[in-house]
Amino acid sequence: MNLLEVQNISKDFFKNDDSIQNVLSDISFTVKKGECFTIIGPNGSGKTTLLRILGLVEDPTDGKILYLGKEMTNLSKKEKTKFRRRISFVRQKPVVMNSSVEKNIAYGLKVRGVEEREIQQKTKDIIEIVRLTGLEKKKARSLSGGEMQRVAIAMNFIIDPEIYLLDEVSANLDPKNITLLEEFITSIKEDKQKTIIMSTHDRMEA
């Protein structure tokens, strides 16, 4: 059975002049567990919108999303929130809180009720993996763009999600941070229980 099945997804937005802008039209594909699935398209082609729909952040205008055969598009708000805990969504522009690096990274475990000792150890381990050692006490928003993206990646990696949604995450990174990101993605690929759905405008990256 496929992990995810996207059936005839379309998305329209209403503009200020009451006209309709079609962003996605009749999109269908399947993703197997453990697969690294890449969505390729130019900027403005709807890749981010599609990932938001897959992450149940946004509803499609038409079509269905099935997770292990169960339709997800008609879930209640509470059920969608529960399902999102199985997903991580790393955006092109990193989203971090106005607190220290270590508090940002530990946040996902805290809200899940993980014991403090385990939180501290996992946070320490992931900080080493993303090479942010020495920056633990710094405000995350004071870091460089590449460092902030690594904080965002660590925040998503530490919660051990089943599905990673990666939205053009290397678009604004320098070569050093792109290399670190590639190492991170490779480590996920090696875990056959994890699934990656990533978007890019760069065919070479795909």
N, C-alpha and C. Protein backbone atom coordinates (compact mmCIF):
# COMPACT_ATOMS: atom_id res chain seq x y z
N MET A 1 0.84 -1.20 0.00
CA MET A 1 0.00 0.00 0.00
C MET A 1 0.88 1.25 0.00
N ASN A 2 0.46 2.26 -0.74
CA ASN A 2 1.19 3.53 -0.77
C ASN A 2 1.04 4.26 0.56
N LEU A 3 2.08 4.99 0.96
CA LEU A 3 1.98 5.81 2.16
C LEU A 3 1.04 6.98 1.91
N LEU A 4 1.28 7.70 0.82
CA LEU A 4 0.45 8.84 0.45
C LEU A 4 -0.05 8.67 -0.98
N GLU A 5 -1.30 9.04 -1.19
CA GLU A 5 -1.86 9.03 -2.53
C GLU A 5 -2.58 10.36 -2.75
N VAL A 6 -2.13 11.08 -3.75
CA VAL A 6 -2.72 12.37 -4.10
C VAL A 6 -3.59 12.18 -5.33
N GLN A 7 -4.87 12.51 -5.21
CA GLN A 7 -5.82 12.25 -6.28
C GLN A 7 -6.44 13.55 -6.80
N ASN A 8 -6.03 13.95 -7.99
CA ASN A 8 -6.69 15.05 -8.72
C ASN A 8 -6.81 16.33 -7.89
N ILE A 9 -5.70 16.71 -7.25
CA ILE A 9 -5.70 17.92 -6.41
C ILE A 9 -5.67 19.17 -7.29
N SER A 10 -6.57 20.10 -6.98
CA SER A 10 -6.58 21.42 -7.60
C SER A 10 -6.70 22.47 -6.50
N LYS A 11 -6.16 23.66 -6.78
CA LYS A 11 -6.25 24.74 -5.81
C LYS A 11 -6.45 26.07 -6.52
N ASP A 12 -7.51 26.78 -6.13
CA ASP A 12 -7.80 28.10 -6.66
C ASP A 12 -7.72 29.13 -5.53
N PHE A 13 -7.27 30.33 -5.87
CA PHE A 13 -7.28 31.44 -4.94
C PHE A 13 -8.13 32.56 -5.53
N PHE A 14 -8.91 33.23 -4.67
CA PHE A 14 -9.69 34.37 -5.11
C PHE A 14 -8.87 35.64 -4.93
N LYS A 15 -8.73 36.42 -5.98
CA LYS A 15 -7.95 37.65 -5.95
C LYS A 15 -8.83 38.82 -5.53
N ASN A 16 -8.19 39.96 -5.27
CA ASN A 16 -8.92 41.14 -4.79
C ASN A 16 -9.97 41.64 -5.77
N ASP A 17 -9.74 41.39 -7.06
CA ASP A 17 -10.71 41.85 -8.06
C ASP A 17 -11.78 40.79 -8.35
N ASP A 18 -11.88 39.80 -7.43
CA ASP A 18 -12.87 38.72 -7.52
C ASP A 18 -12.59 37.72 -8.64
N SER A 19 -11.46 37.86 -9.31
CA SER A 19 -11.09 36.86 -10.30
C SER A 19 -10.48 35.65 -9.57
N ILE A 20 -10.37 34.55 -10.28
CA ILE A 20 -9.86 33.32 -9.68
C ILE A 20 -8.50 32.99 -10.29
N GLN A 21 -7.54 32.71 -9.42
CA GLN A 21 -6.21 32.29 -9.87
C GLN A 21 -6.05 30.81 -9.59
N ASN A 22 -5.88 30.03 -10.64
CA ASN A 22 -5.67 28.60 -10.48
C ASN A 22 -4.18 28.33 -10.28
N VAL A 23 -3.82 27.74 -9.14
CA VAL A 23 -2.41 27.49 -8.81
C VAL A 23 -2.04 26.03 -9.09
N LEU A 24 -2.95 25.12 -8.78
CA LEU A 24 -2.73 23.70 -9.03
C LEU A 24 -3.93 23.14 -9.77
N SER A 25 -3.66 22.26 -10.72
CA SER A 25 -4.76 21.71 -11.52
C SER A 25 -4.57 20.21 -11.74
N ASP A 26 -5.47 19.43 -11.15
CA ASP A 26 -5.56 17.99 -11.40
C ASP A 26 -4.22 17.26 -11.17
N ILE A 27 -3.63 17.48 -9.99
CA ILE A 27 -2.34 16.86 -9.63
C ILE A 27 -2.59 15.50 -8.98
N SER A 28 -1.93 14.48 -9.50
CA SER A 28 -2.05 13.13 -8.93
C SER A 28 -0.68 12.46 -8.89
N PHE A 29 -0.38 11.80 -7.78
CA PHE A 29 0.84 10.99 -7.67
C PHE A 29 0.75 10.15 -6.40
N THR A 30 1.64 9.18 -6.29
CA THR A 30 1.70 8.35 -5.08
C THR A 30 3.12 8.38 -4.53
N VAL A 31 3.23 8.21 -3.22
CA VAL A 31 4.52 8.18 -2.54
C VAL A 31 4.56 6.95 -1.64
N LYS A 32 5.60 6.16 -1.78
CA LYS A 32 5.76 4.96 -0.96
C LYS A 32 6.55 5.27 0.30
N LYS A 33 6.36 4.46 1.32
CA LYS A 33 7.10 4.63 2.57
C LYS A 33 8.59 4.46 2.31
N GLY A 34 9.39 5.37 2.85
CA GLY A 34 10.83 5.31 2.67
C GLY A 34 11.33 5.94 1.39
N GLU A 35 10.42 6.49 0.59
CA GLU A 35 10.81 7.09 -0.69
C GLU A 35 11.24 8.54 -0.51
N CYS A 36 12.13 9.00 -1.39
CA CYS A 36 12.46 10.42 -1.48
C CYS A 36 11.83 10.92 -2.78
N PHE A 37 10.74 11.65 -2.65
CA PHE A 37 9.94 12.09 -3.79
C PHE A 37 10.19 13.58 -4.02
N THR A 38 10.53 13.94 -5.25
CA THR A 38 10.88 15.33 -5.55
C THR A 38 9.84 15.97 -6.46
N ILE A 39 9.40 17.17 -6.06
CA ILE A 39 8.48 17.98 -6.85
C ILE A 39 9.32 19.07 -7.53
N ILE A 40 9.36 19.07 -8.85
CA ILE A 40 10.20 20.01 -9.59
C ILE A 40 9.31 21.00 -10.35
N GLY A 41 9.66 22.28 -10.27
CA GLY A 41 8.91 23.28 -11.01
C GLY A 41 9.52 24.65 -10.81
N PRO A 42 9.27 25.57 -11.71
CA PRO A 42 9.82 26.93 -11.58
C PRO A 42 9.19 27.67 -10.40
N ASN A 43 9.81 28.76 -10.00
CA ASN A 43 9.26 29.59 -8.93
C ASN A 43 7.86 30.06 -9.32
N GLY A 44 6.94 30.00 -8.36
CA GLY A 44 5.58 30.44 -8.62
C GLY A 44 4.69 29.40 -9.25
N SER A 45 5.16 28.16 -9.32
CA SER A 45 4.37 27.11 -9.98
C SER A 45 3.45 26.36 -9.03
N GLY A 46 3.46 26.73 -7.74
CA GLY A 46 2.53 26.11 -6.79
C GLY A 46 3.14 25.02 -5.92
N LYS A 47 4.47 24.89 -5.93
CA LYS A 47 5.12 23.83 -5.15
C LYS A 47 4.85 23.99 -3.65
N THR A 48 5.00 25.22 -3.15
CA THR A 48 4.77 25.46 -1.73
C THR A 48 3.32 25.19 -1.36
N THR A 49 2.41 25.63 -2.20
CA THR A 49 0.98 25.38 -1.95
C THR A 49 0.70 23.89 -1.88
N LEU A 50 1.30 23.12 -2.78
CA LEU A 50 1.10 21.67 -2.77
C LEU A 50 1.63 21.05 -1.48
N LEU A 51 2.81 21.48 -1.03
CA LEU A 51 3.35 20.95 0.22
C LEU A 51 2.48 21.33 1.41
N ARG A 52 1.94 22.54 1.40
CA ARG A 52 1.04 22.97 2.48
C ARG A 52 -0.22 22.10 2.50
N ILE A 53 -0.70 21.72 1.34
CA ILE A 53 -1.86 20.84 1.26
C ILE A 53 -1.50 19.45 1.79
N LEU A 54 -0.32 18.95 1.40
CA LEU A 54 0.12 17.63 1.87
C LEU A 54 0.30 17.62 3.39
N GLY A 55 0.72 18.77 3.94
CA GLY A 55 0.91 18.88 5.38
C GLY A 55 -0.36 19.23 6.14
N LEU A 56 -1.49 19.26 5.42
CA LEU A 56 -2.81 19.58 6.00
C LEU A 56 -2.84 20.98 6.62
N VAL A 57 -2.00 21.86 6.10
CA VAL A 57 -2.01 23.26 6.53
C VAL A 57 -3.05 24.03 5.73
N GLU A 58 -3.29 23.57 4.52
CA GLU A 58 -4.22 24.24 3.61
C GLU A 58 -5.09 23.18 2.94
N ASP A 59 -6.34 23.54 2.65
CA ASP A 59 -7.26 22.60 2.00
C ASP A 59 -7.22 22.79 0.48
N PRO A 60 -7.33 21.70 -0.27
CA PRO A 60 -7.43 21.84 -1.72
C PRO A 60 -8.82 22.32 -2.12
N THR A 61 -8.93 22.90 -3.29
CA THR A 61 -10.25 23.26 -3.82
C THR A 61 -10.99 22.01 -4.26
N ASP A 62 -10.26 21.11 -4.89
CA ASP A 62 -10.81 19.82 -5.32
C ASP A 62 -9.76 18.74 -5.11
N GLY A 63 -10.21 17.50 -5.06
CA GLY A 63 -9.30 16.37 -4.97
C GLY A 63 -9.19 15.80 -3.56
N LYS A 64 -8.41 14.74 -3.45
CA LYS A 64 -8.28 14.02 -2.19
C LYS A 64 -6.81 13.70 -1.89
N ILE A 65 -6.52 13.56 -0.60
CA ILE A 65 -5.24 13.04 -0.14
C ILE A 65 -5.54 11.84 0.75
N LEU A 66 -4.91 10.71 0.44
CA LEU A 66 -5.09 9.51 1.24
C LEU A 66 -3.78 9.15 1.92
N TYR A 67 -3.86 8.86 3.21
CA TYR A 67 -2.71 8.41 3.99
C TYR A 67 -2.98 6.98 4.42
N LEU A 68 -2.18 6.05 3.90
CA LEU A 68 -2.41 4.63 4.15
C LEU A 68 -3.85 4.24 3.86
N GLY A 69 -4.37 4.81 2.78
CA GLY A 69 -5.72 4.48 2.33
C GLY A 69 -6.83 5.28 2.97
N LYS A 70 -6.51 6.10 3.98
CA LYS A 70 -7.53 6.89 4.68
C LYS A 70 -7.55 8.31 4.14
N GLU A 71 -8.74 8.79 3.79
CA GLU A 71 -8.85 10.14 3.27
C GLU A 71 -8.59 11.16 4.37
N MET A 72 -7.74 12.15 4.05
CA MET A 72 -7.32 13.13 5.05
C MET A 72 -7.98 14.50 4.86
N THR A 73 -8.52 14.76 3.69
CA THR A 73 -9.00 16.10 3.38
C THR A 73 -10.26 16.48 4.15
N ASN A 74 -10.99 15.50 4.66
CA ASN A 74 -12.23 15.81 5.38
C ASN A 74 -12.11 15.61 6.88
N LEU A 75 -10.89 15.53 7.39
CA LEU A 75 -10.71 15.35 8.83
C LEU A 75 -11.13 16.60 9.60
N SER A 76 -11.48 16.40 10.86
CA SER A 76 -11.78 17.54 11.72
C SER A 76 -10.48 18.28 12.04
N LYS A 77 -10.61 19.49 12.56
CA LYS A 77 -9.44 20.29 12.92
C LYS A 77 -8.57 19.55 13.94
N LYS A 78 -9.20 18.90 14.91
CA LYS A 78 -8.48 18.16 15.94
C LYS A 78 -7.72 16.98 15.34
N GLU A 79 -8.36 16.27 14.40
CA GLU A 79 -7.72 15.12 13.76
C GLU A 79 -6.54 15.56 12.89
N LYS A 80 -6.69 16.71 12.21
CA LYS A 80 -5.60 17.22 11.39
C LYS A 80 -4.40 17.60 12.26
N THR A 81 -4.67 18.23 13.39
CA THR A 81 -3.59 18.61 14.31
C THR A 81 -2.84 17.38 14.79
N LYS A 82 -3.56 16.32 15.09
CA LYS A 82 -2.95 15.08 15.54
C LYS A 82 -2.07 14.48 14.45
N PHE A 83 -2.57 14.50 13.20
CA PHE A 83 -1.80 13.92 12.10
C PHE A 83 -0.54 14.73 11.82
N ARG A 84 -0.61 16.06 11.98
CA ARG A 84 0.55 16.91 11.70
C ARG A 84 1.74 16.57 12.58
N ARG A 85 1.50 15.92 13.70
CA ARG A 85 2.61 15.54 14.58
C ARG A 85 3.47 14.46 13.95
N ARG A 86 2.99 13.85 12.88
CA ARG A 86 3.77 12.82 12.18
C ARG A 86 4.57 13.42 11.03
N ILE A 87 4.43 14.74 10.86
CA ILE A 87 5.04 15.43 9.72
C ILE A 87 5.95 16.55 10.21
N SER A 88 7.04 16.77 9.50
CA SER A 88 7.83 17.99 9.71
C SER A 88 7.81 18.78 8.41
N PHE A 89 7.75 20.10 8.53
CA PHE A 89 7.66 20.98 7.37
C PHE A 89 8.77 22.02 7.49
N VAL A 90 9.82 21.85 6.69
CA VAL A 90 10.94 22.80 6.70
C VAL A 90 10.77 23.73 5.51
N ARG A 91 10.65 25.01 5.79
CA ARG A 91 10.36 26.00 4.76
C ARG A 91 11.62 26.63 4.19
N GLN A 92 11.46 27.26 3.03
CA GLN A 92 12.58 27.95 2.39
C GLN A 92 13.13 29.04 3.29
N LYS A 93 12.23 29.82 3.89
CA LYS A 93 12.63 30.83 4.86
C LYS A 93 12.45 30.23 6.24
N PRO A 94 13.54 30.00 6.98
CA PRO A 94 13.44 29.31 8.26
C PRO A 94 12.54 30.03 9.25
N VAL A 95 11.72 29.26 9.95
CA VAL A 95 10.83 29.80 10.98
C VAL A 95 11.39 29.41 12.34
N VAL A 96 11.88 30.39 13.09
CA VAL A 96 12.42 30.14 14.43
C VAL A 96 11.81 31.13 15.41
N MET A 97 11.81 30.74 16.68
CA MET A 97 11.26 31.60 17.73
C MET A 97 12.35 32.54 18.25
N ASN A 98 11.91 33.60 18.92
CA ASN A 98 12.84 34.59 19.44
C ASN A 98 13.38 34.14 20.81
N SER A 99 14.06 33.00 20.77
CA SER A 99 14.68 32.45 21.98
C SER A 99 15.99 31.80 21.57
N SER A 100 16.65 31.15 22.52
CA SER A 100 17.97 30.58 22.23
C SER A 100 17.86 29.41 21.26
N VAL A 101 19.00 29.07 20.68
CA VAL A 101 19.07 27.94 19.75
C VAL A 101 18.57 26.67 20.43
N GLU A 102 19.06 26.40 21.64
CA GLU A 102 18.69 25.15 22.30
C GLU A 102 17.21 25.12 22.69
N LYS A 103 16.64 26.27 23.05
CA LYS A 103 15.22 26.30 23.39
C LYS A 103 14.35 26.08 22.15
N ASN A 104 14.78 26.64 21.02
CA ASN A 104 14.07 26.39 19.77
C ASN A 104 14.05 24.90 19.44
N ILE A 105 15.22 24.29 19.53
CA ILE A 105 15.35 22.89 19.13
C ILE A 105 14.59 21.97 20.09
N ALA A 106 14.59 22.31 21.37
CA ALA A 106 13.93 21.46 22.38
C ALA A 106 12.41 21.62 22.39
N TYR A 107 11.90 22.67 21.78
CA TYR A 107 10.48 23.02 21.92
C TYR A 107 9.54 21.88 21.53
N GLY A 108 9.81 21.24 20.40
CA GLY A 108 8.92 20.18 19.92
C GLY A 108 8.81 19.02 20.89
N LEU A 109 9.89 18.71 21.58
CA LEU A 109 9.86 17.63 22.56
C LEU A 109 9.11 18.06 23.82
N LYS A 110 9.29 19.33 24.21
CA LYS A 110 8.60 19.82 25.41
C LYS A 110 7.09 19.75 25.25
N VAL A 111 6.58 20.18 24.10
CA VAL A 111 5.13 20.19 23.92
C VAL A 111 4.58 18.77 23.78
N ARG A 112 5.46 17.80 23.53
CA ARG A 112 5.04 16.40 23.45
C ARG A 112 5.19 15.69 24.79
N GLY A 113 5.62 16.43 25.82
CA GLY A 113 5.68 15.87 27.16
C GLY A 113 6.84 14.95 27.42
N VAL A 114 7.91 15.08 26.64
CA VAL A 114 9.09 14.23 26.84
C VAL A 114 9.80 14.65 28.13
N GLU A 115 10.39 13.68 28.83
CA GLU A 115 11.09 13.97 30.08
C GLU A 115 12.28 14.90 29.85
N GLU A 116 12.55 15.76 30.83
CA GLU A 116 13.56 16.79 30.69
C GLU A 116 14.95 16.21 30.42
N ARG A 117 15.30 15.13 31.08
CA ARG A 117 16.62 14.54 30.87
C ARG A 117 16.79 14.08 29.42
N GLU A 118 15.74 13.47 28.89
CA GLU A 118 15.79 13.01 27.50
C GLU A 118 15.85 14.19 26.53
N ILE A 119 15.10 15.25 26.86
CA ILE A 119 15.13 16.46 26.02
C ILE A 119 16.54 17.02 25.95
N GLN A 120 17.19 17.13 27.11
CA GLN A 120 18.54 17.70 27.15
C GLN A 120 19.52 16.88 26.32
N GLN A 121 19.43 15.55 26.43
CA GLN A 121 20.37 14.69 25.70
C GLN A 121 20.12 14.75 24.20
N LYS A 122 18.85 14.68 23.80
CA LYS A 122 18.53 14.72 22.38
C LYS A 122 18.88 16.07 21.77
N THR A 123 18.66 17.14 22.53
CA THR A 123 19.00 18.47 22.04
C THR A 123 20.50 18.60 21.85
N LYS A 124 21.26 18.11 22.80
CA LYS A 124 22.73 18.14 22.69
C LYS A 124 23.19 17.35 21.47
N ASP A 125 22.60 16.18 21.26
CA ASP A 125 23.00 15.32 20.14
C ASP A 125 22.70 15.98 18.79
N ILE A 126 21.51 16.56 18.66
CA ILE A 126 21.13 17.13 17.37
C ILE A 126 21.91 18.41 17.08
N ILE A 127 22.26 19.16 18.13
CA ILE A 127 23.09 20.35 17.94
C ILE A 127 24.45 19.97 17.35
N GLU A 128 24.98 18.84 17.79
CA GLU A 128 26.24 18.36 17.23
C GLU A 128 26.07 17.91 15.78
N ILE A 129 24.96 17.25 15.50
CA ILE A 129 24.72 16.75 14.14
C ILE A 129 24.65 17.90 13.13
N VAL A 130 23.95 18.98 13.50
CA VAL A 130 23.80 20.11 12.56
C VAL A 130 24.90 21.15 12.74
N ARG A 131 25.90 20.80 13.56
CA ARG A 131 27.11 21.61 13.72
C ARG A 131 26.81 23.03 14.20
N LEU A 132 26.06 23.09 15.30
CA LEU A 132 25.76 24.37 15.93
C LEU A 132 26.36 24.45 17.33
N THR A 133 27.28 23.54 17.64
CA THR A 133 27.93 23.54 18.95
C THR A 133 28.62 24.88 19.18
N GLY A 134 28.39 25.45 20.37
CA GLY A 134 28.95 26.76 20.70
C GLY A 134 27.96 27.89 20.51
N LEU A 135 26.84 27.59 19.83
CA LEU A 135 25.82 28.61 19.58
C LEU A 135 24.54 28.35 20.37
N GLU A 136 24.59 27.39 21.30
CA GLU A 136 23.38 26.96 22.01
C GLU A 136 22.63 28.10 22.69
N LYS A 137 23.36 29.04 23.29
CA LYS A 137 22.74 30.10 24.08
C LYS A 137 22.41 31.34 23.26
N LYS A 138 22.84 31.36 22.01
CA LYS A 138 22.58 32.53 21.17
C LYS A 138 21.12 32.57 20.74
N LYS A 139 20.61 33.79 20.54
CA LYS A 139 19.26 33.94 20.01
C LYS A 139 19.23 33.40 18.58
N ALA A 140 18.28 32.54 18.30
CA ALA A 140 18.23 31.91 16.97
C ALA A 140 18.07 32.95 15.86
N ARG A 141 17.33 34.01 16.14
CA ARG A 141 17.08 35.02 15.11
C ARG A 141 18.28 35.94 14.87
N SER A 142 19.32 35.81 15.70
CA SER A 142 20.52 36.62 15.50
C SER A 142 21.54 35.91 14.61
N LEU A 143 21.26 34.68 14.24
CA LEU A 143 22.20 33.89 13.45
C LEU A 143 22.12 34.24 11.97
N SER A 144 23.07 33.74 11.21
CA SER A 144 23.04 33.91 9.76
C SER A 144 21.90 33.08 9.18
N GLY A 145 21.56 33.35 7.92
CA GLY A 145 20.47 32.61 7.28
C GLY A 145 20.72 31.12 7.25
N GLY A 146 21.96 30.73 6.93
CA GLY A 146 22.30 29.31 6.88
C GLY A 146 22.22 28.66 8.24
N GLU A 147 22.68 29.37 9.27
CA GLU A 147 22.62 28.83 10.64
C GLU A 147 21.17 28.71 11.11
N MET A 148 20.35 29.70 10.78
CA MET A 148 18.93 29.62 11.15
C MET A 148 18.24 28.44 10.46
N GLN A 149 18.62 28.19 9.21
CA GLN A 149 18.03 27.05 8.51
C GLN A 149 18.43 25.74 9.19
N ARG A 150 19.66 25.68 9.69
CA ARG A 150 20.09 24.48 10.41
C ARG A 150 19.35 24.32 11.73
N VAL A 151 19.02 25.44 12.39
CA VAL A 151 18.18 25.38 13.59
C VAL A 151 16.81 24.83 13.23
N ALA A 152 16.23 25.35 12.14
CA ALA A 152 14.91 24.89 11.70
C ALA A 152 14.94 23.40 11.37
N ILE A 153 16.00 22.96 10.71
CA ILE A 153 16.14 21.54 10.39
C ILE A 153 16.22 20.71 11.67
N ALA A 154 17.02 21.18 12.63
CA ALA A 154 17.15 20.45 13.90
C ALA A 154 15.83 20.38 14.64
N MET A 155 15.05 21.47 14.60
CA MET A 155 13.74 21.49 15.26
C MET A 155 12.82 20.42 14.68
N ASN A 156 12.95 20.19 13.39
CA ASN A 156 12.10 19.19 12.73
C ASN A 156 12.67 17.78 12.87
N PHE A 157 13.98 17.66 12.85
CA PHE A 157 14.63 16.35 12.95
C PHE A 157 14.44 15.73 14.33
N ILE A 158 14.47 16.56 15.37
CA ILE A 158 14.47 16.05 16.74
C ILE A 158 13.14 15.38 17.12
N ILE A 159 12.05 15.77 16.47
CA ILE A 159 10.75 15.20 16.82
C ILE A 159 10.52 13.85 16.14
N ASP A 160 11.49 13.41 15.33
CA ASP A 160 11.45 12.09 14.71
C ASP A 160 10.16 11.86 13.91
N PRO A 161 9.89 12.73 12.92
CA PRO A 161 8.65 12.59 12.16
C PRO A 161 8.70 11.41 11.20
N GLU A 162 7.54 11.06 10.71
CA GLU A 162 7.44 9.98 9.73
C GLU A 162 7.65 10.51 8.31
N ILE A 163 7.20 11.76 8.09
CA ILE A 163 7.27 12.37 6.77
C ILE A 163 7.95 13.73 6.89
N TYR A 164 8.94 13.97 6.02
CA TYR A 164 9.60 15.27 5.94
C TYR A 164 9.12 16.00 4.69
N LEU A 165 8.59 17.20 4.86
CA LEU A 165 8.25 18.07 3.74
C LEU A 165 9.30 19.17 3.69
N LEU A 166 10.09 19.20 2.63
CA LEU A 166 11.20 20.15 2.51
C LEU A 166 10.92 21.08 1.34
N ASP A 167 10.70 22.35 1.65
CA ASP A 167 10.28 23.31 0.63
C ASP A 167 11.45 24.21 0.20
N GLU A 168 12.10 23.86 -0.90
CA GLU A 168 13.20 24.67 -1.45
C GLU A 168 14.20 25.06 -0.36
N VAL A 169 14.55 24.10 0.49
CA VAL A 169 15.32 24.44 1.69
C VAL A 169 16.75 24.88 1.40
N SER A 170 17.27 24.59 0.20
CA SER A 170 18.64 24.99 -0.11
C SER A 170 18.71 26.26 -0.95
N ALA A 171 17.55 26.87 -1.23
CA ALA A 171 17.49 27.96 -2.21
C ALA A 171 18.38 29.15 -1.85
N ASN A 172 18.46 29.49 -0.57
CA ASN A 172 19.20 30.70 -0.17
C ASN A 172 20.45 30.39 0.64
N LEU A 173 20.95 29.17 0.52
CA LEU A 173 22.10 28.76 1.33
C LEU A 173 23.40 28.88 0.56
N ASP A 174 24.49 29.12 1.30
CA ASP A 174 25.81 29.13 0.69
C ASP A 174 26.29 27.69 0.52
N PRO A 175 27.38 27.47 -0.24
CA PRO A 175 27.84 26.10 -0.51
C PRO A 175 28.08 25.26 0.75
N LYS A 176 28.63 25.87 1.81
CA LYS A 176 28.90 25.13 3.04
C LYS A 176 27.60 24.58 3.63
N ASN A 177 26.58 25.43 3.71
CA ASN A 177 25.32 25.00 4.31
C ASN A 177 24.55 24.06 3.40
N ILE A 178 24.73 24.19 2.09
CA ILE A 178 24.11 23.24 1.17
C ILE A 178 24.70 21.84 1.39
N THR A 179 26.02 21.78 1.60
CA THR A 179 26.67 20.49 1.86
C THR A 179 26.14 19.86 3.15
N LEU A 180 25.98 20.67 4.20
CA LEU A 180 25.44 20.17 5.46
C LEU A 180 24.01 19.67 5.28
N LEU A 181 23.23 20.41 4.48
CA LEU A 181 21.86 20.00 4.22
C LEU A 181 21.81 18.67 3.47
N GLU A 182 22.69 18.52 2.48
CA GLU A 182 22.73 17.28 1.72
C GLU A 182 23.09 16.10 2.61
N GLU A 183 23.99 16.33 3.56
CA GLU A 183 24.35 15.27 4.52
C GLU A 183 23.15 14.89 5.37
N PHE A 184 22.38 15.89 5.77
CA PHE A 184 21.18 15.67 6.58
C PHE A 184 20.16 14.84 5.80
N ILE A 185 19.91 15.22 4.54
CA ILE A 185 18.94 14.50 3.72
C ILE A 185 19.40 13.06 3.48
N THR A 186 20.71 12.89 3.26
CA THR A 186 21.25 11.55 3.07
C THR A 186 21.02 10.68 4.30
N SER A 187 21.20 11.27 5.49
CA SER A 187 21.00 10.50 6.73
C SER A 187 19.54 10.07 6.87
N ILE A 188 18.61 10.90 6.40
CA ILE A 188 17.20 10.52 6.44
C ILE A 188 16.92 9.40 5.45
N LYS A 189 17.49 9.52 4.24
CA LYS A 189 17.27 8.51 3.21
C LYS A 189 17.72 7.12 3.68
N GLU A 190 18.76 7.10 4.49
CA GLU A 190 19.29 5.81 4.97
C GLU A 190 18.33 5.11 5.92
N ASP A 191 17.41 5.89 6.51
CA ASP A 191 16.38 5.31 7.38
C ASP A 191 15.16 5.01 6.51
N LYS A 192 14.98 3.76 6.15
CA LYS A 192 13.93 3.38 5.20
C LYS A 192 12.52 3.56 5.76
N GLN A 193 12.43 3.90 7.05
CA GLN A 193 11.11 4.13 7.64
C GLN A 193 10.66 5.58 7.46
N LYS A 194 11.57 6.44 7.02
CA LYS A 194 11.25 7.86 6.85
C LYS A 194 11.00 8.18 5.38
N THR A 195 10.10 9.11 5.15
CA THR A 195 9.73 9.50 3.79
C THR A 195 10.00 10.99 3.60
N ILE A 196 10.59 11.34 2.47
CA ILE A 196 10.91 12.73 2.16
C ILE A 196 10.12 13.16 0.93
N ILE A 197 9.45 14.29 1.04
CA ILE A 197 8.84 14.93 -0.13
C ILE A 197 9.44 16.33 -0.20
N MET A 198 10.23 16.58 -1.23
CA MET A 198 10.94 17.86 -1.31
C MET A 198 10.62 18.57 -2.62
N SER A 199 10.63 19.89 -2.55
CA SER A 199 10.40 20.69 -3.75
C SER A 199 11.67 21.42 -4.13
N THR A 200 11.85 21.64 -5.43
CA THR A 200 12.99 22.39 -5.92
C THR A 200 12.69 22.91 -7.32
N HIS A 201 13.37 23.99 -7.69
CA HIS A 201 13.28 24.48 -9.07
C HIS A 201 14.49 24.02 -9.87
N ASP A 202 15.42 23.33 -9.18
CA ASP A 202 16.70 22.96 -9.77
C ASP A 202 16.72 21.47 -10.11
N ARG A 203 16.72 21.14 -11.38
CA ARG A 203 16.73 19.73 -11.79
C ARG A 203 18.02 19.03 -11.35
N MET A 204 19.11 19.77 -11.26
CA MET A 204 20.37 19.17 -10.82
C MET A 204 20.27 18.73 -9.37
N GLU A 205 19.58 19.51 -8.55
CA GLU A 205 19.41 19.18 -7.13
C GLU A 205 18.55 17.94 -6.98
N ALA A 206 17.54 17.79 -7.84
CA ALA A 206 16.63 16.64 -7.76
C ALA A 206 17.34 15.35 -8.08
